[in-house]
Amino acid sequence: MKYLFIAYAAVMVLMSLIAFAAYGRDKGLAKKGAYRTSEKTLLLLAAFLGGTGAFAGMRTFRHKTKHLRFQLFVPLCMIVQLAGLAALAYFAFAA
């Protein structure tokens, strides 16, 4: 169970870094008026264990903060993913 926790945490960190970078890149492209990352891609990054990075990217870059889908979905992803991490930590180390 400890290896599952470590793997989950590692993938979560990696996907969060990717999501954070994607939100920052998209904000930079938006300022330039260039071709941008689709909203679907940004939301998928949040859904696939990148919720924490996506949330941090939204707040840091002030990006997609007025879109209701992002306001609801990204924090929900982050909460569910962190709860999963906490549950794995509990079963891996406390049990």
PDB file of N, CA and C in Angstrom:
ATOM      1  N   MET A   1       0.816  -1.194   0.000  1.00  0.00           N
ATOM      2  CA  MET A   1       0.000   0.000   0.000  1.00  0.00           C
ATOM      3  C   MET A   1       0.865   1.264   0.000  1.00  0.00           C
ATOM      4  N   LYS A   2       2.049   1.169   0.599  1.00  0.00           N
ATOM      5  CA  LYS A   2       2.939   2.325   0.624  1.00  0.00           C
ATOM      6  C   LYS A   2       3.389   2.708  -0.780  1.00  0.00           C
ATOM      7  N   TYR A   3       3.600   1.694  -1.623  1.00  0.00           N
ATOM      8  CA  TYR A   3       4.032   1.971  -2.991  1.00  0.00           C
ATOM      9  C   TYR A   3       2.923   2.626  -3.797  1.00  0.00           C
ATOM     10  N   LEU A   4       1.696   2.249  -3.529  1.00  0.00           N
ATOM     11  CA  LEU A   4       0.563   2.877  -4.196  1.00  0.00           C
ATOM     12  C   LEU A   4       0.469   4.353  -3.803  1.00  0.00           C
ATOM     13  N   PHE A   5       0.663   4.639  -2.513  1.00  0.00           N
ATOM     14  CA  PHE A   5       0.660   6.021  -2.039  1.00  0.00           C
ATOM     15  C   PHE A   5       1.765   6.823  -2.711  1.00  0.00           C
ATOM     16  N   ILE A   6       2.959   6.262  -2.758  1.00  0.00           N
ATOM     17  CA  ILE A   6       4.100   6.956  -3.368  1.00  0.00           C
ATOM     18  C   ILE A   6       3.850   7.212  -4.851  1.00  0.00           C
ATOM     19  N   ALA A   7       3.326   6.207  -5.546  1.00  0.00           N
ATOM     20  CA  ALA A   7       3.044   6.361  -6.977  1.00  0.00           C
ATOM     21  C   ALA A   7       1.972   7.419  -7.206  1.00  0.00           C
ATOM     22  N   TYR A   8       0.902   7.363  -6.415  1.00  0.00           N
ATOM     23  CA  TYR A   8      -0.185   8.336  -6.541  1.00  0.00           C
ATOM     24  C   TYR A   8       0.337   9.752  -6.289  1.00  0.00           C
ATOM     25  N   ALA A   9       1.126   9.901  -5.225  1.00  0.00           N
ATOM     26  CA  ALA A   9       1.670  11.218  -4.890  1.00  0.00           C
ATOM     27  C   ALA A   9       2.604  11.724  -5.987  1.00  0.00           C
ATOM     28  N   ALA A  10       3.429  10.848  -6.529  1.00  0.00           N
ATOM     29  CA  ALA A  10       4.371  11.255  -7.579  1.00  0.00           C
ATOM     30  C   ALA A  10       3.624  11.691  -8.841  1.00  0.00           C
ATOM     31  N   VAL A  11       2.619  10.928  -9.235  1.00  0.00           N
ATOM     32  CA  VAL A  11       1.839  11.283 -10.429  1.00  0.00           C
ATOM     33  C   VAL A  11       1.076  12.576 -10.177  1.00  0.00           C
ATOM     34  N   MET A  12       0.567  12.730  -8.979  1.00  0.00           N
ATOM     35  CA  MET A  12      -0.169  13.953  -8.644  1.00  0.00           C
ATOM     36  C   MET A  12       0.736  15.182  -8.715  1.00  0.00           C
ATOM     37  N   VAL A  13       1.947  15.072  -8.209  1.00  0.00           N
ATOM     38  CA  VAL A  13       2.898  16.190  -8.269  1.00  0.00           C
ATOM     39  C   VAL A  13       3.251  16.500  -9.724  1.00  0.00           C
ATOM     40  N   LEU A  14       3.552  15.466 -10.498  1.00  0.00           N
ATOM     41  CA  LEU A  14       3.910  15.659 -11.904  1.00  0.00           C
ATOM     42  C   LEU A  14       2.773  16.311 -12.690  1.00  0.00           C
ATOM     43  N   MET A  15       1.556  15.786 -12.533  1.00  0.00           N
ATOM     44  CA  MET A  15       0.420  16.340 -13.269  1.00  0.00           C
ATOM     45  C   MET A  15       0.089  17.756 -12.792  1.00  0.00           C
ATOM     46  N   SER A  16       0.297  18.027 -11.520  1.00  0.00           N
ATOM     47  CA  SER A  16       0.053  19.378 -11.016  1.00  0.00           C
ATOM     48  C   SER A  16       1.047  20.376 -11.599  1.00  0.00           C
ATOM     49  N   LEU A  17       2.297  19.967 -11.728  1.00  0.00           N
ATOM     50  CA  LEU A  17       3.298  20.834 -12.355  1.00  0.00           C
ATOM     51  C   LEU A  17       2.951  21.099 -13.818  1.00  0.00           C
ATOM     52  N   ILE A  18       2.518  20.058 -14.518  1.00  0.00           N
ATOM     53  CA  ILE A  18       2.129  20.209 -15.922  1.00  0.00           C
ATOM     54  C   ILE A  18       0.919  21.135 -16.042  1.00  0.00           C
ATOM     55  N   ALA A  19      -0.080  20.932 -15.177  1.00  0.00           N
ATOM     56  CA  ALA A  19      -1.281  21.771 -15.218  1.00  0.00           C
ATOM     57  C   ALA A  19      -0.940  23.227 -14.901  1.00  0.00           C
ATOM     58  N   PHE A  20      -0.115  23.445 -13.888  1.00  0.00           N
ATOM     59  CA  PHE A  20       0.291  24.801 -13.518  1.00  0.00           C
ATOM     60  C   PHE A  20       0.975  25.489 -14.704  1.00  0.00           C
ATOM     61  N   ALA A  21       1.884  24.781 -15.352  1.00  0.00           N
ATOM     62  CA  ALA A  21       2.588  25.337 -16.510  1.00  0.00           C
ATOM     63  C   ALA A  21       1.619  25.609 -17.662  1.00  0.00           C
ATOM     64  N   ALA A  22       0.661  24.729 -17.870  1.00  0.00           N
ATOM     65  CA  ALA A  22      -0.303  24.909 -18.952  1.00  0.00           C
ATOM     66  C   ALA A  22      -1.173  26.141 -18.725  1.00  0.00           C
ATOM     67  N   TYR A  23      -1.592  26.360 -17.491  1.00  0.00           N
ATOM     68  CA  TYR A  23      -2.399  27.544 -17.184  1.00  0.00           C
ATOM     69  C   TYR A  23      -1.572  28.815 -17.367  1.00  0.00           C
ATOM     70  N   GLY A  24      -0.316  28.785 -16.956  1.00  0.00           N
ATOM     71  CA  GLY A  24       0.553  29.940 -17.149  1.00  0.00           C
ATOM     72  C   GLY A  24       0.819  30.218 -18.611  1.00  0.00           C
ATOM     73  N   ARG A  25       1.074  29.161 -19.373  1.00  0.00           N
ATOM     74  CA  ARG A  25       1.325  29.306 -20.805  1.00  0.00           C
ATOM     75  C   ARG A  25       0.092  29.858 -21.514  1.00  0.00           C
ATOM     76  N   ASP A  26      -1.088  29.329 -21.162  1.00  0.00           N
ATOM     77  CA  ASP A  26      -2.311  29.785 -21.808  1.00  0.00           C
ATOM     78  C   ASP A  26      -2.585  31.247 -21.489  1.00  0.00           C
ATOM     79  N   LYS A  27      -2.306  31.664 -20.278  1.00  0.00           N
ATOM     80  CA  LYS A  27      -2.497  33.075 -19.923  1.00  0.00           C
ATOM     81  C   LYS A  27      -1.556  33.959 -20.736  1.00  0.00           C
ATOM     82  N   GLY A  28      -0.309  33.527 -20.884  1.00  0.00           N
ATOM     83  CA  GLY A  28       0.634  34.287 -21.701  1.00  0.00           C
ATOM     84  C   GLY A  28       0.190  34.388 -23.151  1.00  0.00           C
ATOM     85  N   LEU A  29      -0.325  33.279 -23.692  1.00  0.00           N
ATOM     86  CA  LEU A  29      -0.822  33.292 -25.066  1.00  0.00           C
ATOM     87  C   LEU A  29      -2.058  34.169 -25.197  1.00  0.00           C
ATOM     88  N   ALA A  30      -2.899  34.191 -24.170  1.00  0.00           N
ATOM     89  CA  ALA A  30      -4.100  35.027 -24.203  1.00  0.00           C
ATOM     90  C   ALA A  30      -3.722  36.509 -24.264  1.00  0.00           C
ATOM     91  N   LYS A  31      -2.698  36.892 -23.544  1.00  0.00           N
ATOM     92  CA  LYS A  31      -2.254  38.288 -23.564  1.00  0.00           C
ATOM     93  C   LYS A  31      -1.727  38.693 -24.932  1.00  0.00           C
ATOM     94  N   LYS A  32      -1.112  37.731 -25.636  1.00  0.00           N
ATOM     95  CA  LYS A  32      -0.555  38.009 -26.960  1.00  0.00           C
ATOM     96  C   LYS A  32      -1.593  37.885 -28.070  1.00  0.00           C
ATOM     97  N   GLY A  33      -2.748  37.308 -27.759  1.00  0.00           N
ATOM     98  CA  GLY A  33      -3.769  37.082 -28.773  1.00  0.00           C
ATOM     99  C   GLY A  33      -3.424  35.920 -29.688  1.00  0.00           C
ATOM    100  N   ALA A  34      -2.582  35.022 -29.214  1.00  0.00           N
ATOM    101  CA  ALA A  34      -2.124  33.883 -30.021  1.00  0.00           C
ATOM    102  C   ALA A  34      -3.075  32.694 -29.864  1.00  0.00           C
ATOM    103  N   TYR A  35      -2.813  31.638 -30.643  1.00  0.00           N
ATOM    104  CA  TYR A  35      -3.578  30.399 -30.554  1.00  0.00           C
ATOM    105  C   TYR A  35      -3.418  29.829 -29.151  1.00  0.00           C
ATOM    106  N   ARG A  36      -4.530  29.384 -28.555  1.00  0.00           N
ATOM    107  CA  ARG A  36      -4.529  29.020 -27.141  1.00  0.00           C
ATOM    108  C   ARG A  36      -4.861  27.558 -26.909  1.00  0.00           C
ATOM    109  N   THR A  37      -4.594  27.134 -25.681  1.00  0.00           N
ATOM    110  CA  THR A  37      -4.945  25.794 -25.233  1.00  0.00           C
ATOM    111  C   THR A  37      -6.461  25.748 -25.026  1.00  0.00           C
ATOM    112  N   SER A  38      -7.091  24.665 -25.454  1.00  0.00           N
ATOM    113  CA  SER A  38      -8.547  24.579 -25.319  1.00  0.00           C
ATOM    114  C   SER A  38      -8.950  24.445 -23.858  1.00  0.00           C
ATOM    115  N   GLU A  39     -10.156  24.909 -23.556  1.00  0.00           N
ATOM    116  CA  GLU A  39     -10.673  24.788 -22.198  1.00  0.00           C
ATOM    117  C   GLU A  39     -10.812  23.321 -21.811  1.00  0.00           C
ATOM    118  N   LYS A  40     -11.172  22.503 -22.766  1.00  0.00           N
ATOM    119  CA  LYS A  40     -11.312  21.062 -22.514  1.00  0.00           C
ATOM    120  C   LYS A  40      -9.989  20.476 -22.028  1.00  0.00           C
ATOM    121  N   THR A  41      -8.898  20.856 -22.665  1.00  0.00           N
ATOM    122  CA  THR A  41      -7.578  20.362 -22.263  1.00  0.00           C
ATOM    123  C   THR A  41      -7.217  20.830 -20.862  1.00  0.00           C
ATOM    124  N   LEU A  42      -7.486  22.087 -20.557  1.00  0.00           N
ATOM    125  CA  LEU A  42      -7.185  22.615 -19.229  1.00  0.00           C
ATOM    126  C   LEU A  42      -7.997  21.889 -18.160  1.00  0.00           C
ATOM    127  N   LEU A  43      -9.252  21.606 -18.447  1.00  0.00           N
ATOM    128  CA  LEU A  43     -10.090  20.890 -17.491  1.00  0.00           C
ATOM    129  C   LEU A  43      -9.650  19.430 -17.345  1.00  0.00           C
ATOM    130  N   LEU A  44      -9.232  18.814 -18.447  1.00  0.00           N
ATOM    131  CA  LEU A  44      -8.750  17.432 -18.370  1.00  0.00           C
ATOM    132  C   LEU A  44      -7.473  17.336 -17.540  1.00  0.00           C
ATOM    133  N   LEU A  45      -6.611  18.316 -17.652  1.00  0.00           N
ATOM    134  CA  LEU A  45      -5.406  18.332 -16.820  1.00  0.00           C
ATOM    135  C   LEU A  45      -5.774  18.396 -15.338  1.00  0.00           C
ATOM    136  N   ALA A  46      -6.793  19.175 -15.024  1.00  0.00           N
ATOM    137  CA  ALA A  46      -7.253  19.245 -13.637  1.00  0.00           C
ATOM    138  C   ALA A  46      -7.854  17.910 -13.200  1.00  0.00           C
ATOM    139  N   ALA A  47      -8.587  17.266 -14.077  1.00  0.00           N
ATOM    140  CA  ALA A  47      -9.267  16.016 -13.736  1.00  0.00           C
ATOM    141  C   ALA A  47      -8.299  14.860 -13.539  1.00  0.00           C
ATOM    142  N   PHE A  48      -7.243  14.801 -14.330  1.00  0.00           N
ATOM    143  CA  PHE A  48      -6.303  13.683 -14.259  1.00  0.00           C
ATOM    144  C   PHE A  48      -5.160  13.987 -13.302  1.00  0.00           C
ATOM    145  N   LEU A  49      -5.509  14.153 -12.033  1.00  0.00           N
ATOM    146  CA  LEU A  49      -4.589  14.342 -10.913  1.00  0.00           C
ATOM    147  C   LEU A  49      -3.798  15.648 -10.957  1.00  0.00           C
ATOM    148  N   GLY A  50      -4.260  16.619 -11.730  1.00  0.00           N
ATOM    149  CA  GLY A  50      -3.582  17.917 -11.762  1.00  0.00           C
ATOM    150  C   GLY A  50      -4.403  19.023 -11.123  1.00  0.00           C
ATOM    151  N   GLY A  51      -5.361  18.662 -10.300  1.00  0.00           N
ATOM    152  CA  GLY A  51      -6.263  19.644  -9.698  1.00  0.00           C
ATOM    153  C   GLY A  51      -5.565  20.696  -8.862  1.00  0.00           C
ATOM    154  N   THR A  52      -4.586  20.285  -8.095  1.00  0.00           N
ATOM    155  CA  THR A  52      -3.872  21.233  -7.240  1.00  0.00           C
ATOM    156  C   THR A  52      -3.086  22.234  -8.069  1.00  0.00           C
ATOM    157  N   GLY A  53      -2.392  21.761  -9.091  1.00  0.00           N
ATOM    158  CA  GLY A  53      -1.642  22.653  -9.973  1.00  0.00           C
ATOM    159  C   GLY A  53      -2.548  23.566 -10.778  1.00  0.00           C
ATOM    160  N   ALA A  54      -3.682  23.031 -11.222  1.00  0.00           N
ATOM    161  CA  ALA A  54      -4.631  23.838 -11.975  1.00  0.00           C
ATOM    162  C   ALA A  54      -5.205  24.943 -11.087  1.00  0.00           C
ATOM    163  N   PHE A  55      -5.542  24.593  -9.861  1.00  0.00           N
ATOM    164  CA  PHE A  55      -6.065  25.595  -8.926  1.00  0.00           C
ATOM    165  C   PHE A  55      -5.017  26.666  -8.634  1.00  0.00           C
ATOM    166  N   ALA A  56      -3.780  26.226  -8.399  1.00  0.00           N
ATOM    167  CA  ALA A  56      -2.696  27.186  -8.149  1.00  0.00           C
ATOM    168  C   ALA A  56      -2.454  28.063  -9.382  1.00  0.00           C
ATOM    169  N   GLY A  57      -2.541  27.475 -10.569  1.00  0.00           N
ATOM    170  CA  GLY A  57      -2.371  28.238 -11.798  1.00  0.00           C
ATOM    171  C   GLY A  57      -3.474  29.263 -12.002  1.00  0.00           C
ATOM    172  N   MET A  58      -4.707  28.864 -11.686  1.00  0.00           N
ATOM    173  CA  MET A  58      -5.821  29.810 -11.792  1.00  0.00           C
ATOM    174  C   MET A  58      -5.598  31.008 -10.888  1.00  0.00           C
ATOM    175  N   ARG A  59      -5.157  30.754  -9.669  1.00  0.00           N
ATOM    176  CA  ARG A  59      -4.964  31.836  -8.702  1.00  0.00           C
ATOM    177  C   ARG A  59      -3.718  32.660  -9.007  1.00  0.00           C
ATOM    178  N   THR A  60      -2.623  32.000  -9.332  1.00  0.00           N
ATOM    179  CA  THR A  60      -1.367  32.708  -9.586  1.00  0.00           C
ATOM    180  C   THR A  60      -1.455  33.600 -10.810  1.00  0.00           C
ATOM    181  N   PHE A  61      -1.999  33.057 -11.895  1.00  0.00           N
ATOM    182  CA  PHE A  61      -2.036  33.787 -13.165  1.00  0.00           C
ATOM    183  C   PHE A  61      -3.349  34.526 -13.381  1.00  0.00           C
ATOM    184  N   ARG A  62      -4.275  34.407 -12.424  1.00  0.00           N
ATOM    185  CA  ARG A  62      -5.614  35.004 -12.558  1.00  0.00           C
ATOM    186  C   ARG A  62      -6.216  34.629 -13.904  1.00  0.00           C
ATOM    187  N   HIS A  63      -6.242  33.336 -14.135  1.00  0.00           N
ATOM    188  CA  HIS A  63      -6.674  32.819 -15.428  1.00  0.00           C
ATOM    189  C   HIS A  63      -7.878  31.906 -15.261  1.00  0.00           C
ATOM    190  N   LYS A  64      -8.894  32.131 -16.036  1.00  0.00           N
ATOM    191  CA  LYS A  64     -10.128  31.346 -16.047  1.00  0.00           C
ATOM    192  C   LYS A  64     -10.902  31.459 -14.741  1.00  0.00           C
ATOM    193  N   THR A  65     -10.674  32.519 -13.999  1.00  0.00           N
ATOM    194  CA  THR A  65     -11.325  32.663 -12.696  1.00  0.00           C
ATOM    195  C   THR A  65     -12.768  33.151 -12.803  1.00  0.00           C
ATOM    196  N   LYS A  66     -13.168  33.655 -13.959  1.00  0.00           N
ATOM    197  CA  LYS A  66     -14.536  34.142 -14.130  1.00  0.00           C
ATOM    198  C   LYS A  66     -15.444  33.110 -14.797  1.00  0.00           C
ATOM    199  N   HIS A  67     -14.879  31.993 -15.222  1.00  0.00           N
ATOM    200  CA  HIS A  67     -15.662  30.948 -15.870  1.00  0.00           C
ATOM    201  C   HIS A  67     -16.228  30.010 -14.813  1.00  0.00           C
ATOM    202  N   LEU A  68     -17.550  29.871 -14.778  1.00  0.00           N
ATOM    203  CA  LEU A  68     -18.211  29.071 -13.755  1.00  0.00           C
ATOM    204  C   LEU A  68     -17.735  27.617 -13.772  1.00  0.00           C
ATOM    205  N   ARG A  69     -17.536  27.064 -14.971  1.00  0.00           N
ATOM    206  CA  ARG A  69     -17.051  25.676 -15.053  1.00  0.00           C
ATOM    207  C   ARG A  69     -15.737  25.512 -14.313  1.00  0.00           C
ATOM    208  N   PHE A  70     -14.849  26.452 -14.479  1.00  0.00           N
ATOM    209  CA  PHE A  70     -13.545  26.392 -13.829  1.00  0.00           C
ATOM    210  C   PHE A  70     -13.673  26.676 -12.333  1.00  0.00           C
ATOM    211  N   GLN A  71     -14.533  27.613 -11.963  1.00  0.00           N
ATOM    212  CA  GLN A  71     -14.729  27.955 -10.552  1.00  0.00           C
ATOM    213  C   GLN A  71     -15.220  26.758  -9.747  1.00  0.00           C
ATOM    214  N   LEU A  72     -16.026  25.910 -10.367  1.00  0.00           N
ATOM    215  CA  LEU A  72     -16.596  24.760  -9.670  1.00  0.00           C
ATOM    216  C   LEU A  72     -15.756  23.500  -9.837  1.00  0.00           C
ATOM    217  N   PHE A  73     -15.354  23.218 -11.066  1.00  0.00           N
ATOM    218  CA  PHE A  73     -14.730  21.931 -11.380  1.00  0.00           C
ATOM    219  C   PHE A  73     -13.304  21.808 -10.841  1.00  0.00           C
ATOM    220  N   VAL A  74     -12.494  22.829 -11.001  1.00  0.00           N
ATOM    221  CA  VAL A  74     -11.091  22.742 -10.589  1.00  0.00           C
ATOM    222  C   VAL A  74     -10.944  22.580  -9.067  1.00  0.00           C
ATOM    223  N   PRO A  75     -11.621  23.386  -8.244  1.00  0.00           N
ATOM    224  CA  PRO A  75     -11.505  23.140  -6.796  1.00  0.00           C
ATOM    225  C   PRO A  75     -12.060  21.776  -6.382  1.00  0.00           C
ATOM    226  N   LEU A  76     -13.133  21.331  -7.048  1.00  0.00           N
ATOM    227  CA  LEU A  76     -13.687  20.013  -6.747  1.00  0.00           C
ATOM    228  C   LEU A  76     -12.671  18.913  -7.057  1.00  0.00           C
ATOM    229  N   CYS A  77     -12.007  19.020  -8.195  1.00  0.00           N
ATOM    230  CA  CYS A  77     -10.956  18.054  -8.541  1.00  0.00           C
ATOM    231  C   CYS A  77      -9.859  18.050  -7.488  1.00  0.00           C
ATOM    232  N   MET A  78      -9.432  19.233  -7.084  1.00  0.00           N
ATOM    233  CA  MET A  78      -8.370  19.330  -6.099  1.00  0.00           C
ATOM    234  C   MET A  78      -8.786  18.675  -4.779  1.00  0.00           C
ATOM    235  N   ILE A  79      -9.983  18.944  -4.323  1.00  0.00           N
ATOM    236  CA  ILE A  79     -10.464  18.384  -3.053  1.00  0.00           C
ATOM    237  C   ILE A  79     -10.545  16.865  -3.127  1.00  0.00           C
ATOM    238  N   VAL A  80     -11.104  16.338  -4.205  1.00  0.00           N
ATOM    239  CA  VAL A  80     -11.230  14.890  -4.355  1.00  0.00           C
ATOM    240  C   VAL A  80      -9.853  14.232  -4.419  1.00  0.00           C
ATOM    241  N   GLN A  81      -8.937  14.839  -5.162  1.00  0.00           N
ATOM    242  CA  GLN A  81      -7.597  14.262  -5.301  1.00  0.00           C
ATOM    243  C   GLN A  81      -6.820  14.311  -3.987  1.00  0.00           C
ATOM    244  N   LEU A  82      -6.929  15.394  -3.258  1.00  0.00           N
ATOM    245  CA  LEU A  82      -6.258  15.480  -1.960  1.00  0.00           C
ATOM    246  C   LEU A  82      -6.885  14.527  -0.943  1.00  0.00           C
ATOM    247  N   ALA A  83      -8.194  14.342  -1.034  1.00  0.00           N
ATOM    248  CA  ALA A  83      -8.859  13.375  -0.159  1.00  0.00           C
ATOM    249  C   ALA A  83      -8.386  11.953  -0.480  1.00  0.00           C
ATOM    250  N   GLY A  84      -8.221  11.660  -1.763  1.00  0.00           N
ATOM    251  CA  GLY A  84      -7.683  10.358  -2.160  1.00  0.00           C
ATOM    252  C   GLY A  84      -6.275  10.152  -1.641  1.00  0.00           C
ATOM    253  N   LEU A  85      -5.470  11.187  -1.708  1.00  0.00           N
ATOM    254  CA  LEU A  85      -4.105  11.111  -1.191  1.00  0.00           C
ATOM    255  C   LEU A  85      -4.109  10.893   0.319  1.00  0.00           C
ATOM    256  N   ALA A  86      -4.986  11.597   1.020  1.00  0.00           N
ATOM    257  CA  ALA A  86      -5.083  11.443   2.472  1.00  0.00           C
ATOM    258  C   ALA A  86      -5.552  10.035   2.839  1.00  0.00           C
ATOM    259  N   ALA A  87      -6.515   9.509   2.106  1.00  0.00           N
ATOM    260  CA  ALA A  87      -7.001   8.155   2.376  1.00  0.00           C
ATOM    261  C   ALA A  87      -5.903   7.126   2.137  1.00  0.00           C
ATOM    262  N   LEU A  88      -5.163   7.279   1.054  1.00  0.00           N
ATOM    263  CA  LEU A  88      -4.051   6.357   0.790  1.00  0.00           C
ATOM    264  C   LEU A  88      -2.984   6.466   1.871  1.00  0.00           C
ATOM    265  N   ALA A  89      -2.705   7.677   2.322  1.00  0.00           N
ATOM    266  CA  ALA A  89      -1.723   7.869   3.394  1.00  0.00           C
ATOM    267  C   ALA A  89      -2.186   7.184   4.678  1.00  0.00           C
ATOM    268  N   TYR A  90      -3.465   7.309   4.967  1.00  0.00           N
ATOM    269  CA  TYR A  90      -4.003   6.681   6.169  1.00  0.00           C
ATOM    270  C   TYR A  90      -3.831   5.162   6.100  1.00  0.00           C
ATOM    271  N   PHE A  91      -4.254   4.567   4.999  1.00  0.00           N
ATOM    272  CA  PHE A  91      -4.183   3.104   4.879  1.00  0.00           C
ATOM    273  C   PHE A  91      -2.743   2.601   4.725  1.00  0.00           C
ATOM    274  N   ALA A  92      -1.894   3.425   4.185  1.00  0.00           N
ATOM    275  CA  ALA A  92      -0.513   2.995   3.978  1.00  0.00           C
ATOM    276  C   ALA A  92       0.316   3.082   5.256  1.00  0.00           C
ATOM    277  N   PHE A  93       0.043   4.084   6.082  1.00  0.00           N
ATOM    278  CA  PHE A  93       0.924   4.327   7.223  1.00  0.00           C
ATOM    279  C   PHE A  93       0.260   4.126   8.588  1.00  0.00           C
ATOM    280  N   ALA A  94      -1.039   4.306   8.676  1.00  0.00           N
ATOM    281  CA  ALA A  94      -1.698   4.197   9.972  1.00  0.00           C
ATOM    282  C   ALA A  94      -2.265   2.796  10.215  1.00  0.00           C
ATOM    283  N   ALA A  95      -2.548   2.097   9.160  1.00  0.00           N
ATOM    284  CA  ALA A  95      -3.186   0.785   9.315  1.00  0.00           C
ATOM    285  C   ALA A  95      -2.187  -0.316   9.553  1.00  0.00           C
TER     286      ALA A  95
END
